[in-house]
Amino acid sequence: MKVSDFDFELPRELIATHPAEPRESARLLEIGEQLADRIVRDLPNLLAPGDIVVVNDTKVIPARLSGLRGVAKVEVTLHKRESDSRWRAFAKGARKLKDGDRIDFADSFAATVAEKGEDGEVTLDFDRGGPELMAALAQYGFMPLPPYIARSQGPDARDREDYQTVFARHEGAVAAPTAGLHFTPALLAALKARGILHATLTLHVGAGTFLPVKVEDTQDHKMHAEVCMIDAGTAATINFAHAQGGRVVAVGTTVTRTLESAADDRGMIHPFADETRLFITPGYRFKAIDMLLTNFHLPRSTLFMLVSAFAGLERMKAAYDHAIAERYRYYSYGDCCLLHPAKGARIQG
């Protein structure tokens, strides 16, 4: 398909710069045969007892660093862990960097350029690894807010909490699984009281999720790789719930891509610990998920392509037009939508 098929105009003032307070007060657009304007706290009543909500428990690290190569300023955003002390990163001014260059982020915290890649990517070897590196990032790094959240002062102290879900457990993401930002302990308690199950998996979201699609046809796009994990217990829980008639509700595109990567052709989820490069566009038939809770996405993005594959491109365009007219808040800190599958989008059900 042409990438231009996934374009739309969005007023910049609708891009949210902070989340709703409280989080479950954000608006929710239910997208099925009809459109319905709701609130996130309505979610328990939009689902049924026995349904299972699957969330991503990755934890965002302060992955944006500012440093010096000699006297030249360098800003890097880590995006993929290669080892305890080695990360791939996107660097501003990467053309001036050379293999072997040292970047000092603090008096006692530095990295060496191990390799240069394409499109501003570099591989960095830090002077420490494991918990020590995580501690240094916590001290000197900034939360890696998406480039479309433009603030003159950049990320603030509040973002350390705002840009993290209540499920955050396993460090490694450099972008939040933003659909999960709407959940609070109160909402989880209401879901549980309704008889709705929940399960967790891990996909460490990379900064590649924000890279623009530069090709003209979707079949020419190379999807970035992200590390994801589903353990045997989680797979068994999801499979049991589905076998009992419960719907699998994916919270976010990261959960969707992980479940679809781990599912066989019968829709059974298997333990999975690997990278996924799954690129979902219209025509894909979903094996694992029955519903999808997700935020509103960028035009021409792989994320908008995924939701269009699930709910239908024309339906999603109409829904986004409605959301713009009703002044919904867009992107990472914005409102969300609950998608029902379009006819033929799923292999089963």
Protein backbone atom coordinates (compact mmCIF):
# COMPACT_ATOMS: atom_id res chain seq x y z
CA MET A 1 0.00 0.00 0.00
CA LYS A 2 1.05 3.58 -0.48
CA VAL A 3 2.29 5.30 2.67
CA SER A 4 0.29 8.36 1.62
CA ASP A 5 -2.89 6.31 2.22
CA PHE A 6 -2.19 6.71 5.95
CA ASP A 7 -1.82 10.48 5.95
CA PHE A 8 -4.11 12.96 7.70
CA GLU A 9 -3.97 16.52 8.99
CA LEU A 10 -3.79 17.14 12.73
CA PRO A 11 -3.97 20.56 14.42
CA ARG A 12 -0.81 20.90 16.48
CA GLU A 13 -2.74 22.25 19.48
CA LEU A 14 -4.30 18.80 19.94
CA ILE A 15 -0.94 17.22 20.79
CA ALA A 16 -0.97 16.64 24.56
CA THR A 17 2.08 17.82 26.49
CA HIS A 18 1.04 16.28 29.83
CA PRO A 19 -1.31 13.41 30.72
CA ALA A 20 -4.83 13.81 32.04
CA GLU A 21 -5.24 14.05 35.81
CA PRO A 22 -6.26 11.60 37.09
CA ARG A 23 -5.11 9.29 34.33
CA GLU A 24 -8.37 7.37 34.06
CA SER A 25 -10.21 10.65 33.36
CA ALA A 26 -8.77 10.67 29.83
CA ARG A 27 -11.28 10.33 27.03
CA LEU A 28 -11.81 7.03 25.24
CA LEU A 29 -13.30 6.68 21.77
CA GLU A 30 -14.86 3.26 21.24
CA ILE A 31 -14.48 2.31 17.58
CA GLY A 32 -16.71 -0.46 16.24
CA GLU A 33 -19.59 -0.43 13.83
CA GLN A 34 -20.43 2.90 15.49
CA LEU A 35 -18.36 5.49 17.32
CA ALA A 36 -19.02 6.15 21.02
CA ASP A 37 -17.44 8.87 23.16
CA ARG A 38 -16.49 7.54 26.56
CA ILE A 39 -14.00 7.94 29.43
CA VAL A 40 -11.17 5.53 30.34
CA ARG A 41 -12.85 4.78 33.68
CA ASP A 42 -15.74 3.29 31.62
CA LEU A 43 -13.44 0.46 30.48
CA PRO A 44 -14.63 -2.20 32.99
CA ASN A 45 -18.19 -1.84 31.66
CA LEU A 46 -17.01 -2.04 28.05
CA LEU A 47 -15.48 -5.45 28.70
CA ALA A 48 -17.01 -8.67 30.04
CA PRO A 49 -16.16 -10.99 32.92
CA GLY A 50 -13.59 -13.50 31.72
CA ASP A 51 -11.92 -11.11 29.27
CA ILE A 52 -8.18 -10.74 29.79
CA VAL A 53 -6.33 -7.42 29.57
CA VAL A 54 -2.69 -7.87 28.53
CA VAL A 55 -0.22 -5.09 29.39
CA ASN A 56 3.45 -4.31 28.82
CA ASP A 57 5.56 -4.13 31.99
CA THR A 58 8.65 -2.56 30.45
CA LYS A 59 10.21 0.35 32.35
CA VAL A 60 11.41 3.48 30.59
CA ILE A 61 14.98 4.47 31.37
CA PRO A 62 16.29 8.08 31.25
CA ALA A 63 17.83 7.35 27.86
CA ARG A 64 18.59 10.86 26.61
CA LEU A 65 22.07 12.13 27.41
CA SER A 66 23.93 15.36 26.72
CA GLY A 67 27.72 15.32 26.64
CA LEU A 68 30.87 16.69 25.10
CA ARG A 69 33.25 15.34 22.48
CA GLY A 70 36.13 17.61 23.31
CA VAL A 71 34.38 20.99 23.29
CA ALA A 72 31.62 19.98 20.87
CA LYS A 73 28.18 19.28 22.32
CA VAL A 74 26.66 15.88 21.58
CA GLU A 75 23.16 14.64 22.38
CA VAL A 76 22.35 10.94 22.17
CA THR A 77 19.20 8.91 22.70
CA LEU A 78 19.78 5.26 23.50
CA HIS A 79 17.44 2.94 21.65
CA LYS A 80 18.65 -0.69 21.78
CA ARG A 81 20.73 -2.55 24.34
CA GLU A 82 23.43 -4.77 22.82
CA SER A 83 25.02 -5.85 26.12
CA ASP A 84 25.27 -4.64 29.71
CA SER A 85 27.57 -1.80 28.65
CA ARG A 86 26.91 -1.41 24.91
CA TRP A 87 23.92 0.45 23.41
CA ARG A 88 22.88 1.58 19.99
CA ALA A 89 21.87 5.23 19.99
CA PHE A 90 20.74 8.04 17.73
CA ALA A 91 23.11 10.99 17.92
CA LYS A 92 22.58 14.59 16.89
CA GLY A 93 25.53 15.64 14.77
CA ALA A 94 26.54 12.01 14.23
CA ARG A 95 28.36 12.87 10.99
CA LYS A 96 31.09 14.56 13.01
CA LEU A 97 31.60 11.54 15.24
CA LYS A 98 34.32 9.00 14.45
CA ASP A 99 35.00 5.49 15.66
CA GLY A 100 36.97 5.71 18.89
CA ASP A 101 35.67 9.18 19.86
CA ARG A 102 35.05 9.63 23.57
CA ILE A 103 31.90 11.38 24.75
CA ASP A 104 31.92 12.70 28.33
CA PHE A 105 28.50 12.94 29.96
CA ALA A 106 29.88 13.85 33.40
CA ASP A 107 33.27 14.06 35.10
CA SER A 108 33.19 10.32 35.79
CA PHE A 109 30.76 9.02 33.17
CA ALA A 110 31.67 8.51 29.51
CA ALA A 111 31.23 6.33 26.44
CA THR A 112 33.30 5.53 23.36
CA VAL A 113 31.95 5.40 19.82
CA ALA A 114 32.42 1.77 18.82
CA GLU A 115 30.75 2.00 15.42
CA LYS A 116 28.83 4.37 13.19
CA GLY A 117 25.68 3.28 11.41
CA GLU A 118 23.17 4.90 9.08
CA ASP A 119 20.69 7.72 9.69
CA GLY A 120 22.50 9.13 12.73
CA GLU A 121 22.91 5.82 14.54
CA VAL A 122 26.02 5.04 16.59
CA THR A 123 27.03 2.17 18.85
CA LEU A 124 28.36 3.28 22.23
CA ASP A 125 30.56 1.40 24.69
CA PHE A 126 29.99 2.86 28.16
CA ASP A 127 32.63 2.89 30.86
CA ARG A 128 30.36 0.78 33.07
CA GLY A 129 27.54 -1.70 32.69
CA GLY A 130 24.57 -3.36 34.37
CA PRO A 131 23.20 -1.70 37.52
CA GLU A 132 26.05 0.83 37.54
CA LEU A 133 25.09 2.08 34.09
CA MET A 134 21.41 2.24 35.05
CA ALA A 135 22.36 4.29 38.14
CA ALA A 136 24.40 6.70 35.98
CA LEU A 137 21.51 7.11 33.55
CA ALA A 138 19.17 7.82 36.46
CA GLN A 139 21.56 10.52 37.68
CA TYR A 140 22.55 12.18 34.40
CA GLY A 141 19.92 11.17 31.84
CA PHE A 142 16.57 12.66 30.86
CA MET A 143 13.33 10.92 30.05
CA PRO A 144 13.23 10.39 26.25
CA LEU A 145 10.01 12.19 25.43
CA PRO A 146 8.86 11.81 21.83
CA PRO A 147 10.07 14.52 19.46
CA TYR A 148 6.53 15.82 18.91
CA ILE A 149 6.18 16.82 22.60
CA ALA A 150 7.95 20.11 22.13
CA ARG A 151 8.72 22.08 25.27
CA SER A 152 11.21 24.92 25.40
CA GLN A 153 12.76 23.51 28.57
CA GLY A 154 12.59 19.86 27.49
CA PRO A 155 11.60 17.01 29.84
CA ASP A 156 10.90 18.09 33.43
CA ALA A 157 11.00 16.34 36.80
CA ARG A 158 7.32 15.44 36.52
CA ASP A 159 8.00 13.36 33.39
CA ARG A 160 9.97 10.86 35.48
CA GLU A 161 6.61 9.71 36.85
CA ASP A 162 4.23 10.77 34.09
CA TYR A 163 6.10 8.89 31.34
CA GLN A 164 5.96 5.58 33.22
CA THR A 165 3.10 3.10 33.54
CA VAL A 166 1.89 1.58 36.80
CA PHE A 167 3.07 -1.77 35.42
CA ALA A 168 6.69 -0.66 34.88
CA ARG A 169 9.02 -3.34 36.19
CA HIS A 170 11.75 -4.41 33.74
CA GLU A 171 14.19 -1.63 32.75
CA GLY A 172 15.04 -1.30 29.09
CA ALA A 173 12.49 0.81 27.19
CA VAL A 174 13.41 4.17 25.71
CA ALA A 175 9.79 5.05 24.95
CA ALA A 176 6.70 4.37 27.02
CA PRO A 177 4.04 1.82 26.02
CA THR A 178 1.65 4.74 26.08
CA ALA A 179 -1.70 2.93 26.16
CA GLY A 180 -0.68 1.70 29.61
CA LEU A 181 -0.31 5.26 30.88
CA HIS A 182 -4.09 5.44 31.37
CA PHE A 183 -4.17 2.75 34.06
CA THR A 184 -4.23 3.44 37.80
CA PRO A 185 -4.63 1.22 40.87
CA ALA A 186 -8.28 2.31 41.06
CA LEU A 187 -8.96 1.28 37.45
CA LEU A 188 -7.20 -2.06 37.96
CA ALA A 189 -9.32 -2.68 41.06
CA ALA A 190 -12.48 -1.94 39.09
CA LEU A 191 -11.45 -4.34 36.33
CA LYS A 192 -10.73 -7.06 38.87
CA ALA A 193 -14.08 -6.50 40.60
CA ARG A 194 -15.76 -6.91 37.21
CA GLY A 195 -14.10 -10.33 36.79
CA ILE A 196 -11.66 -9.17 34.13
CA LEU A 197 -8.26 -10.85 34.21
CA HIS A 198 -4.93 -9.28 33.45
CA ALA A 199 -1.53 -10.55 32.34
CA THR A 200 1.84 -8.94 31.68
CA LEU A 201 4.49 -9.37 29.02
CA THR A 202 7.57 -7.33 28.17
CA LEU A 203 8.56 -5.47 25.03
CA HIS A 204 11.33 -2.92 25.42
CA VAL A 205 10.11 -0.09 23.23
CA GLY A 206 12.86 1.42 21.10
CA ALA A 207 13.25 4.94 19.77
CA GLY A 208 12.81 3.44 16.31
CA THR A 209 9.08 3.57 16.98
CA PHE A 210 9.30 7.32 16.27
CA LEU A 211 11.31 7.01 13.04
CA PRO A 212 9.41 8.31 10.02
CA VAL A 213 8.48 5.94 7.22
CA LYS A 214 10.58 7.31 4.38
CA VAL A 215 9.55 4.94 1.57
CA GLU A 216 6.56 5.45 -0.72
CA ASP A 217 5.22 1.89 -0.46
CA THR A 218 4.75 0.01 2.81
CA GLN A 219 6.31 -3.17 1.41
CA ASP A 220 9.65 -1.33 1.13
CA HIS A 221 9.78 -0.29 4.79
CA LYS A 222 12.29 -2.01 7.07
CA MET A 223 10.82 -2.41 10.55
CA HIS A 224 13.03 -1.72 13.56
CA ALA A 225 13.72 -4.65 15.91
CA GLU A 226 12.52 -4.71 19.50
CA VAL A 227 13.20 -7.27 22.22
CA CYS A 228 10.13 -8.94 23.73
CA MET A 229 9.39 -11.71 26.20
CA ILE A 230 6.41 -13.84 27.21
CA ASP A 231 6.98 -16.49 29.87
CA ALA A 232 5.25 -19.85 30.01
CA GLY A 233 2.92 -18.79 32.83
CA THR A 234 1.66 -15.75 30.96
CA ALA A 235 1.15 -17.76 27.76
CA ALA A 236 -0.83 -20.39 29.67
CA THR A 237 -3.00 -17.75 31.38
CA ILE A 238 -3.90 -16.05 28.11
CA ASN A 239 -4.59 -19.35 26.35
CA PHE A 240 -6.81 -20.54 29.21
CA ALA A 241 -8.82 -17.31 29.27
CA HIS A 242 -9.31 -17.46 25.51
CA ALA A 243 -10.34 -21.12 25.62
CA GLN A 244 -13.01 -20.20 28.19
CA GLY A 245 -14.49 -17.62 25.83
CA GLY A 246 -12.70 -14.55 27.16
CA ARG A 247 -11.50 -11.92 24.73
CA VAL A 248 -7.82 -11.02 24.61
CA VAL A 249 -7.61 -7.24 24.99
CA ALA A 250 -4.19 -5.91 23.99
CA VAL A 251 -3.18 -2.70 25.74
CA GLY A 252 -1.15 -1.00 23.06
CA THR A 253 0.57 -1.79 19.80
CA THR A 254 3.61 -3.18 21.64
CA VAL A 255 1.47 -5.85 23.29
CA THR A 256 -0.20 -6.53 19.94
CA ARG A 257 3.08 -7.08 18.12
CA THR A 258 4.41 -9.30 20.92
CA LEU A 259 1.32 -11.50 21.07
CA GLU A 260 1.11 -11.80 17.30
CA SER A 261 4.81 -12.70 17.16
CA ALA A 262 4.30 -15.43 19.77
CA ALA A 263 1.07 -16.91 18.35
CA ASP A 264 0.76 -19.92 16.09
CA ASP A 265 -1.76 -20.18 13.27
CA ARG A 266 -4.43 -21.44 15.69
CA GLY A 267 -4.03 -18.36 17.88
CA MET A 268 -2.26 -20.22 20.69
CA ILE A 269 0.37 -18.14 22.51
CA HIS A 270 3.74 -19.77 23.10
CA PRO A 271 6.61 -18.65 25.37
CA PHE A 272 8.72 -16.18 23.45
CA ALA A 273 12.04 -14.43 24.10
CA ASP A 274 13.46 -12.87 20.97
CA GLU A 275 13.47 -9.80 18.79
CA THR A 276 10.42 -8.97 16.73
CA ARG A 277 10.36 -7.02 13.48
CA LEU A 278 6.70 -7.75 12.83
CA PHE A 279 5.26 -5.02 10.59
CA ILE A 280 1.47 -5.09 10.48
CA THR A 281 -0.39 -3.37 7.66
CA PRO A 282 -3.90 -3.79 6.21
CA GLY A 283 -4.37 -7.29 4.87
CA TYR A 284 -2.72 -8.89 7.91
CA ARG A 285 -5.02 -11.36 9.67
CA PHE A 286 -4.70 -11.25 13.45
CA LYS A 287 -4.20 -14.53 15.29
CA ALA A 288 -4.02 -13.56 18.95
CA ILE A 289 -5.98 -10.45 19.89
CA ASP A 290 -9.71 -9.70 19.98
CA MET A 291 -9.69 -6.03 21.01
CA LEU A 292 -7.09 -3.26 21.15
CA LEU A 293 -6.79 -0.29 23.50
CA THR A 294 -4.40 2.25 22.05
CA ASN A 295 -3.60 5.96 21.87
CA PHE A 296 -4.03 8.15 18.79
CA HIS A 297 -1.03 7.86 16.50
CA LEU A 298 1.04 9.91 14.08
CA PRO A 299 0.01 10.12 10.43
CA ARG A 300 2.02 7.87 8.09
CA SER A 301 3.37 5.91 11.07
CA THR A 302 3.72 2.15 11.43
CA LEU A 303 1.43 2.42 14.46
CA PHE A 304 -1.42 3.99 12.48
CA MET A 305 -0.90 1.28 9.87
CA LEU A 306 -1.29 -1.39 12.56
CA VAL A 307 -4.55 0.00 13.96
CA SER A 308 -5.86 0.40 10.42
CA ALA A 309 -5.10 -3.26 9.79
CA PHE A 310 -7.12 -4.22 12.87
CA ALA A 311 -10.12 -1.91 12.67
CA GLY A 312 -10.10 -0.98 8.97
CA LEU A 313 -8.44 1.99 7.29
CA GLU A 314 -11.59 3.87 6.34
CA ARG A 315 -13.10 3.29 9.77
CA MET A 316 -9.93 4.61 11.44
CA LYS A 317 -9.83 7.68 9.19
CA ALA A 318 -13.45 8.44 10.08
CA ALA A 319 -12.72 7.88 13.76
CA TYR A 320 -9.71 10.21 13.68
CA ASP A 321 -11.77 12.86 11.89
CA HIS A 322 -14.36 12.54 14.65
CA ALA A 323 -11.68 12.74 17.36
CA ILE A 324 -10.21 15.88 15.82
CA ALA A 325 -13.63 17.51 15.55
CA GLU A 326 -14.36 16.61 19.19
CA ARG A 327 -10.95 17.92 20.33
CA TYR A 328 -9.53 14.65 21.61
CA ARG A 329 -5.93 14.92 22.78
CA TYR A 330 -3.38 13.10 20.61
CA TYR A 331 -0.22 11.01 20.94
CA SER A 332 1.73 9.74 23.95
CA TYR A 333 0.15 11.87 26.69
CA GLY A 334 -3.20 12.07 24.96
CA ASP A 335 -6.52 10.23 24.98
CA CYS A 336 -7.13 6.70 23.70
CA CYS A 337 -9.46 4.49 21.73
CA LEU A 338 -10.85 0.98 22.13
CA LEU A 339 -10.91 -0.87 18.83
CA HIS A 340 -13.14 -3.73 17.75
CA PRO A 341 -11.83 -5.77 14.81
CA ALA A 342 -13.06 -5.14 11.31
CA LYS A 343 -14.73 -8.02 9.53
CA GLY A 344 -12.07 -10.39 8.23
CA ALA A 345 -9.26 -8.88 10.32
CA ARG A 346 -8.99 -11.99 12.53
CA ILE A 347 -8.26 -15.59 11.57
CA GLN A 348 -10.58 -16.88 14.28
CA GLY A 349 -13.72 -15.51 15.85
